[in-house]
Amino acid sequence: MTELVLPHRSAGRGIPWIAEAAIALAFAAVGALAYYLFPDDLAFLTRLIGIAFLVLSLDLVTGYCGIATLGHAALFGGAAYAVGAACVRGISDPFALLAIGLCAGAVLGLVSGALISRFRGLPQLVLSIAIGQLVAGLANKLQWLTGGSDGLSGLEPGKVFGVFGFDMYSRTAFLLSFTVLATTFLVLRRVVNSPFGLMCRAIKDDSLRARMMGASIYPRLVIMYGIAGAVAGLGGALTAMSTGVVGLDSVSFERSAEVLVMLVLGGAGHLWGALIGSVIFMLFEHVVAAANPFHWMTLVGLLLILIVVFAPRGLIGPVTALCVRLLGRETKT
């Protein structure tokens, strides 16, 4: 019996939190450049950040756990409606609204995850669509709470730290959203690289082998779904506060399908891939729709076909391969 021995490169002690510090600096640099170079597009960038939360959330359940879902927008939109209803009823503190969105998303994630995680394959996909349509139907019918087809409008969150108000140029909304995104990304990076996150990956790769190792599969999937719901809830809360409006589009099937396309575009099972996919898709859609408002969907479809054909693992695949090749050359030298 032969044994395959892979070369191992010791990481050593290193400097604690060096990777997190580097990522935080990278986020700060990107945020500063976006803020000063595109001051007229901060509203669009804030909306992009809100969608990036939803793509990251979907990556946790699909990319890391292998759960097929086409109703993930229910978590995002449900939290947005919870924040909108709280804001209409007098709760205006931005951090309180963020907490409401996080809790609402986590609860919706745990409830839907408890149902969806019991099945695999096609029944799982159909059940996720059914849950998404149920939430959309309730949002349309509960007019006293959600505003029905008109939605909730005129949301006016208070000032951040009692000083920085939400203005029409979305300066405060962008800075708050970007800061929360960077913090959430660093936390999620710890989660997916923890023993819990690694076990979720093992469940995705081979659930039978993970069960034979003694792992409790169902509770882990439900917990990850709850974490994903909390992330989506943050995105829904930030979107509701920055736009001042919550509508049925936030819980629509189209939104769920759109974020799945973004995840495939960037690369599932990688947090950076989720960010890359959301940024590339939203920027491409923004530029192409402005240049050709009648046929932009055709160009988006051609882009997706090219990505799937030439980069099946998403855009993160070639980037990762290039980094590995460069690191390999440095090791040899």
Protein backbone atom coordinates (compact mmCIF):
# COMPACT_ATOMS: atom_id res chain seq x y z
CA MET A 1 0.00 0.00 0.00
CA THR A 2 1.52 3.25 -1.14
CA GLU A 3 1.14 6.47 0.75
CA LEU A 4 0.99 9.85 -0.92
CA VAL A 5 3.08 12.40 0.93
CA LEU A 6 2.40 16.01 0.08
CA PRO A 7 5.07 18.63 0.70
CA HIS A 8 4.26 20.72 3.72
CA ARG A 9 5.45 24.22 4.22
CA SER A 10 5.56 25.24 7.84
CA ALA A 11 3.88 28.53 8.53
CA GLY A 12 5.91 29.15 11.65
CA ARG A 13 4.81 31.40 14.40
CA GLY A 14 4.54 34.55 12.28
CA ILE A 15 2.94 37.76 13.46
CA PRO A 16 -0.54 37.33 14.99
CA TRP A 17 -3.38 38.86 13.00
CA ILE A 18 -1.03 39.91 10.19
CA ALA A 19 -3.37 38.61 7.50
CA GLU A 20 -6.38 40.37 9.05
CA ALA A 21 -4.41 43.61 9.32
CA ALA A 22 -3.38 43.38 5.66
CA ILE A 23 -6.97 42.75 4.57
CA ALA A 24 -8.22 45.63 6.71
CA LEU A 25 -5.64 47.95 5.13
CA ALA A 26 -6.64 46.76 1.67
CA PHE A 27 -10.29 47.47 2.42
CA ALA A 28 -9.41 50.91 3.79
CA ALA A 29 -7.40 51.75 0.67
CA VAL A 30 -10.16 50.60 -1.69
CA GLY A 31 -12.81 52.45 0.31
CA ALA A 32 -10.79 55.68 0.34
CA LEU A 33 -10.15 55.49 -3.40
CA ALA A 34 -13.83 54.86 -4.13
CA TYR A 35 -14.92 57.68 -1.84
CA TYR A 36 -12.62 60.32 -3.35
CA LEU A 37 -12.54 59.17 -7.00
CA PHE A 38 -16.27 58.51 -7.45
CA PRO A 39 -18.07 61.04 -5.22
CA ASP A 40 -21.07 61.15 -7.58
CA ASP A 41 -21.53 57.37 -7.60
CA LEU A 42 -21.59 56.70 -3.86
CA ALA A 43 -25.31 55.82 -3.93
CA PHE A 44 -24.63 53.11 -6.52
CA LEU A 45 -21.60 51.85 -4.61
CA THR A 46 -23.66 51.66 -1.42
CA ARG A 47 -26.28 49.59 -3.24
CA LEU A 48 -23.48 47.36 -4.53
CA ILE A 49 -22.23 46.81 -0.99
CA GLY A 50 -25.73 45.79 0.13
CA ILE A 51 -25.89 43.19 -2.65
CA ALA A 52 -22.36 42.00 -1.77
CA PHE A 53 -23.65 41.06 1.68
CA LEU A 54 -26.30 38.88 0.06
CA VAL A 55 -23.76 37.20 -2.24
CA LEU A 56 -21.46 36.50 0.72
CA SER A 57 -24.42 35.05 2.57
CA LEU A 58 -25.29 32.79 -0.36
CA ASP A 59 -21.67 31.68 -0.59
CA LEU A 60 -21.77 30.45 3.00
CA VAL A 61 -24.64 28.04 2.33
CA THR A 62 -23.97 27.14 -1.32
CA GLY A 63 -20.23 27.47 -1.71
CA TYR A 64 -19.21 26.12 1.70
CA CYS A 65 -22.10 23.76 2.57
CA GLY A 66 -23.38 22.73 -0.86
CA ILE A 67 -26.98 23.75 -0.13
CA ALA A 68 -28.86 24.54 -3.32
CA THR A 69 -31.15 27.54 -2.89
CA LEU A 70 -33.04 29.93 -5.15
CA GLY A 71 -34.92 31.76 -2.43
CA HIS A 72 -32.08 33.41 -0.56
CA ALA A 73 -33.42 36.91 -1.15
CA ALA A 74 -36.12 36.13 1.44
CA LEU A 75 -33.51 36.56 4.19
CA PHE A 76 -32.28 39.84 2.74
CA GLY A 77 -35.73 41.28 2.07
CA GLY A 78 -37.25 39.99 5.30
CA ALA A 79 -34.58 41.81 7.31
CA ALA A 80 -35.06 44.95 5.20
CA TYR A 81 -38.80 44.90 5.94
CA ALA A 82 -38.10 44.40 9.66
CA VAL A 83 -35.78 47.42 9.66
CA GLY A 84 -38.27 49.48 7.65
CA ALA A 85 -41.15 48.62 9.98
CA ALA A 86 -39.02 49.47 13.03
CA CYS A 87 -37.92 52.77 11.50
CA VAL A 88 -41.49 53.75 10.63
CA ARG A 89 -42.49 53.06 14.24
CA GLY A 90 -39.90 55.38 15.74
CA ILE A 91 -36.63 53.42 16.03
CA SER A 92 -34.08 55.55 14.23
CA ASP A 93 -30.68 54.73 15.73
CA PRO A 94 -28.60 53.22 12.87
CA PHE A 95 -26.86 50.64 15.07
CA ALA A 96 -30.17 49.56 16.61
CA LEU A 97 -31.56 49.13 13.09
CA LEU A 98 -28.47 47.11 12.12
CA ALA A 99 -29.05 44.87 15.15
CA ILE A 100 -32.70 44.42 14.15
CA GLY A 101 -31.69 43.48 10.62
CA LEU A 102 -29.04 41.06 11.86
CA CYS A 103 -31.45 39.34 14.29
CA ALA A 104 -34.30 39.20 11.75
CA GLY A 105 -32.01 37.70 9.12
CA ALA A 106 -30.58 35.18 11.59
CA VAL A 107 -34.05 34.05 12.69
CA LEU A 108 -35.24 33.70 9.09
CA GLY A 109 -32.02 31.83 8.28
CA LEU A 110 -32.44 29.39 11.17
CA VAL A 111 -36.10 28.71 10.34
CA SER A 112 -35.57 28.26 6.61
CA GLY A 113 -32.32 26.37 7.18
CA ALA A 114 -34.06 23.95 9.55
CA LEU A 115 -36.42 23.03 6.69
CA ILE A 116 -34.12 23.18 3.67
CA SER A 117 -31.19 21.35 5.27
CA ARG A 118 -33.30 18.24 5.83
CA PHE A 119 -33.32 17.53 2.09
CA ARG A 120 -30.76 17.25 -0.66
CA GLY A 121 -30.83 17.84 -4.38
CA LEU A 122 -33.96 18.83 -6.25
CA PRO A 123 -36.35 18.75 -3.23
CA GLN A 124 -33.99 21.15 -1.46
CA LEU A 125 -34.03 23.53 -4.41
CA VAL A 126 -37.83 23.43 -4.76
CA LEU A 127 -38.30 23.98 -1.03
CA SER A 128 -36.03 27.04 -1.10
CA ILE A 129 -38.05 28.51 -3.96
CA ALA A 130 -41.28 27.80 -2.06
CA ILE A 131 -39.98 29.57 1.06
CA GLY A 132 -38.89 32.55 -1.01
CA GLN A 133 -42.28 32.79 -2.69
CA LEU A 134 -44.04 32.44 0.68
CA VAL A 135 -42.09 35.37 2.12
CA ALA A 136 -42.78 37.42 -1.02
CA GLY A 137 -46.49 36.61 -0.79
CA LEU A 138 -46.64 37.60 2.87
CA ALA A 139 -44.82 40.85 2.11
CA ASN A 140 -47.44 41.61 -0.51
CA LYS A 141 -50.48 40.67 1.60
CA LEU A 142 -49.52 42.11 5.01
CA GLN A 143 -50.13 45.66 3.92
CA TRP A 144 -50.49 46.98 7.48
CA LEU A 145 -46.92 45.88 8.19
CA THR A 146 -45.08 45.96 4.88
CA GLY A 147 -47.07 48.46 2.82
CA GLY A 148 -48.08 45.76 0.35
CA SER A 149 -47.27 46.45 -3.29
CA ASP A 150 -46.37 50.05 -2.42
CA GLY A 151 -43.72 48.99 0.07
CA LEU A 152 -42.32 51.11 2.87
CA SER A 153 -41.02 54.54 2.00
CA GLY A 154 -39.81 57.65 3.75
CA LEU A 155 -37.46 55.81 6.09
CA GLU A 156 -35.32 58.30 7.97
CA PRO A 157 -32.60 56.72 10.11
CA GLY A 158 -30.90 58.92 12.68
CA LYS A 159 -27.36 60.21 12.67
CA VAL A 160 -24.44 57.83 13.10
CA PHE A 161 -22.93 58.49 16.54
CA GLY A 162 -25.36 61.40 16.72
CA VAL A 163 -23.13 63.42 14.33
CA PHE A 164 -23.08 62.03 10.79
CA GLY A 165 -26.46 62.21 9.07
CA PHE A 166 -27.61 60.32 5.97
CA ASP A 167 -27.45 62.81 3.09
CA MET A 168 -28.60 62.72 -0.52
CA TYR A 169 -25.05 62.01 -1.73
CA SER A 170 -24.84 58.80 0.37
CA ARG A 171 -21.54 59.78 1.96
CA THR A 172 -22.46 58.54 5.43
CA ALA A 173 -24.32 55.53 4.03
CA PHE A 174 -21.28 54.49 1.97
CA LEU A 175 -18.79 54.84 4.81
CA LEU A 176 -21.03 52.98 7.24
CA SER A 177 -21.81 50.22 4.74
CA PHE A 178 -18.18 49.80 3.73
CA THR A 179 -17.00 49.66 7.35
CA VAL A 180 -19.61 47.02 8.23
CA LEU A 181 -18.68 45.04 5.10
CA ALA A 182 -14.97 45.03 5.98
CA THR A 183 -15.70 43.97 9.57
CA THR A 184 -18.11 41.25 8.44
CA PHE A 185 -15.61 39.93 5.89
CA LEU A 186 -12.90 39.59 8.54
CA VAL A 187 -15.30 37.77 10.86
CA LEU A 188 -16.47 35.43 8.09
CA ARG A 189 -12.89 34.68 7.18
CA ARG A 190 -12.35 33.43 10.72
CA VAL A 191 -15.57 31.41 10.57
CA VAL A 192 -14.84 29.58 7.31
CA ASN A 193 -11.26 28.79 8.36
CA SER A 194 -12.29 27.53 11.81
CA PRO A 195 -12.84 23.82 12.55
CA PHE A 196 -16.57 24.48 12.17
CA GLY A 197 -16.10 25.98 8.70
CA LEU A 198 -13.72 23.23 7.62
CA MET A 199 -16.25 20.62 8.71
CA CYS A 200 -18.91 22.36 6.64
CA ARG A 201 -16.61 22.05 3.64
CA ALA A 202 -16.13 18.37 4.39
CA ILE A 203 -19.91 17.92 4.52
CA LYS A 204 -20.21 19.56 1.12
CA ASP A 205 -17.48 17.38 -0.40
CA ASP A 206 -18.67 14.06 1.06
CA SER A 207 -21.47 14.08 3.61
CA LEU A 208 -21.34 10.30 4.07
CA ARG A 209 -17.66 10.33 4.98
CA ALA A 210 -18.26 13.26 7.36
CA ARG A 211 -21.07 11.31 9.03
CA MET A 212 -18.83 8.25 9.38
CA MET A 213 -16.28 10.47 11.11
CA GLY A 214 -18.91 11.22 13.75
CA ALA A 215 -19.82 14.73 12.62
CA SER A 216 -23.34 16.02 13.29
CA ILE A 217 -24.28 17.23 9.83
CA TYR A 218 -27.76 18.69 10.25
CA PRO A 219 -27.02 21.02 13.22
CA ARG A 220 -23.93 22.41 11.48
CA LEU A 221 -25.86 23.19 8.31
CA VAL A 222 -28.60 24.93 10.28
CA ILE A 223 -26.06 26.99 12.23
CA MET A 224 -24.29 28.04 9.03
CA TYR A 225 -27.65 28.95 7.55
CA GLY A 226 -28.30 31.14 10.60
CA ILE A 227 -24.92 32.86 10.16
CA ALA A 228 -25.70 33.39 6.48
CA GLY A 229 -29.07 34.86 7.44
CA ALA A 230 -27.38 37.31 9.79
CA VAL A 231 -25.04 38.44 7.00
CA ALA A 232 -27.93 38.85 4.56
CA GLY A 233 -29.82 40.73 7.28
CA LEU A 234 -27.00 43.25 7.59
CA GLY A 235 -27.16 43.83 3.85
CA GLY A 236 -30.92 44.27 3.95
CA ALA A 237 -30.68 46.70 6.87
CA LEU A 238 -28.00 48.82 5.19
CA THR A 239 -29.94 48.89 1.92
CA ALA A 240 -33.15 49.95 3.68
CA MET A 241 -31.38 52.73 5.58
CA SER A 242 -29.42 54.03 2.60
CA THR A 243 -32.30 54.07 0.10
CA GLY A 244 -35.12 54.92 2.52
CA VAL A 245 -37.37 52.47 0.67
CA VAL A 246 -38.20 48.77 1.00
CA GLY A 247 -40.14 47.13 -1.83
CA LEU A 248 -41.18 43.72 -3.09
CA ASP A 249 -38.11 43.55 -5.33
CA SER A 250 -36.01 42.88 -2.22
CA VAL A 251 -37.68 39.47 -1.73
CA SER A 252 -38.26 38.62 -5.40
CA PHE A 253 -37.18 35.44 -7.16
CA GLU A 254 -35.25 37.57 -9.64
CA ARG A 255 -33.07 38.91 -6.82
CA SER A 256 -32.28 35.36 -5.66
CA ALA A 257 -31.39 34.25 -9.19
CA GLU A 258 -29.30 37.36 -9.76
CA VAL A 259 -27.11 36.85 -6.70
CA LEU A 260 -26.62 33.19 -7.64
CA VAL A 261 -25.30 34.37 -11.01
CA MET A 262 -22.94 36.76 -9.21
CA LEU A 263 -21.65 33.92 -7.04
CA VAL A 264 -21.04 31.67 -10.03
CA LEU A 265 -19.35 34.56 -11.82
CA GLY A 266 -16.91 35.20 -8.98
CA GLY A 267 -16.48 31.62 -7.78
CA ALA A 268 -18.39 29.71 -5.13
CA GLY A 269 -16.65 28.48 -2.00
CA HIS A 270 -14.39 31.53 -1.70
CA LEU A 271 -15.22 34.78 0.09
CA TRP A 272 -13.10 36.81 -2.28
CA GLY A 273 -14.92 35.18 -5.18
CA ALA A 274 -18.26 36.35 -3.80
CA LEU A 275 -16.97 39.92 -3.58
CA ILE A 276 -15.41 39.82 -7.05
CA GLY A 277 -18.57 38.40 -8.61
CA SER A 278 -20.84 41.01 -7.08
CA VAL A 279 -18.53 43.90 -8.02
CA ILE A 280 -17.96 42.74 -11.61
CA PHE A 281 -21.62 41.98 -12.28
CA MET A 282 -22.95 45.20 -10.74
CA LEU A 283 -20.36 47.39 -12.48
CA PHE A 284 -20.91 45.66 -15.81
CA GLU A 285 -24.66 45.99 -15.45
CA HIS A 286 -24.36 49.65 -14.43
CA VAL A 287 -22.11 50.64 -17.35
CA VAL A 288 -23.73 48.52 -20.06
CA ALA A 289 -27.31 49.41 -19.04
CA ALA A 290 -26.41 53.10 -19.25
CA ALA A 291 -24.78 52.68 -22.66
CA ASN A 292 -27.43 50.39 -24.17
CA PRO A 293 -30.65 50.29 -22.10
CA PHE A 294 -32.45 48.01 -24.57
CA HIS A 295 -29.98 45.18 -25.15
CA TRP A 296 -27.82 45.20 -22.03
CA MET A 297 -29.23 41.86 -20.85
CA THR A 298 -27.90 40.24 -24.03
CA LEU A 299 -24.41 41.50 -23.29
CA VAL A 300 -24.66 40.32 -19.69
CA GLY A 301 -25.70 36.88 -20.95
CA LEU A 302 -22.71 36.76 -23.32
CA LEU A 303 -20.39 37.70 -20.44
CA LEU A 304 -21.77 34.89 -18.28
CA ILE A 305 -21.42 32.35 -21.10
CA LEU A 306 -17.78 33.31 -21.62
CA ILE A 307 -17.03 33.08 -17.91
CA VAL A 308 -18.68 29.68 -17.51
CA VAL A 309 -16.94 28.28 -20.62
CA PHE A 310 -13.44 29.58 -19.99
CA ALA A 311 -13.47 29.83 -16.18
CA PRO A 312 -15.86 27.18 -14.79
CA ARG A 313 -14.69 27.86 -11.22
CA GLY A 314 -15.41 31.56 -11.60
CA LEU A 315 -13.07 34.50 -11.92
CA ILE A 316 -11.40 33.61 -8.65
CA GLY A 317 -10.05 30.40 -10.24
CA PRO A 318 -7.55 32.02 -12.64
CA VAL A 319 -6.56 34.55 -9.98
CA THR A 320 -5.87 31.79 -7.44
CA ALA A 321 -3.94 29.74 -9.99
CA LEU A 322 -1.77 32.75 -10.85
CA CYS A 323 -1.04 33.40 -7.17
CA VAL A 324 -0.11 29.75 -6.59
CA ARG A 325 2.18 29.81 -9.60
CA LEU A 326 3.91 32.97 -8.42
CA LEU A 327 4.31 31.61 -4.90
CA GLY A 328 5.69 28.38 -6.34
CA ARG A 329 8.34 30.30 -8.27
CA GLU A 330 9.30 32.24 -5.15
CA THR A 331 9.66 28.99 -3.21
CA LYS A 332 11.92 27.49 -5.88
CA THR A 333 14.11 30.53 -5.97
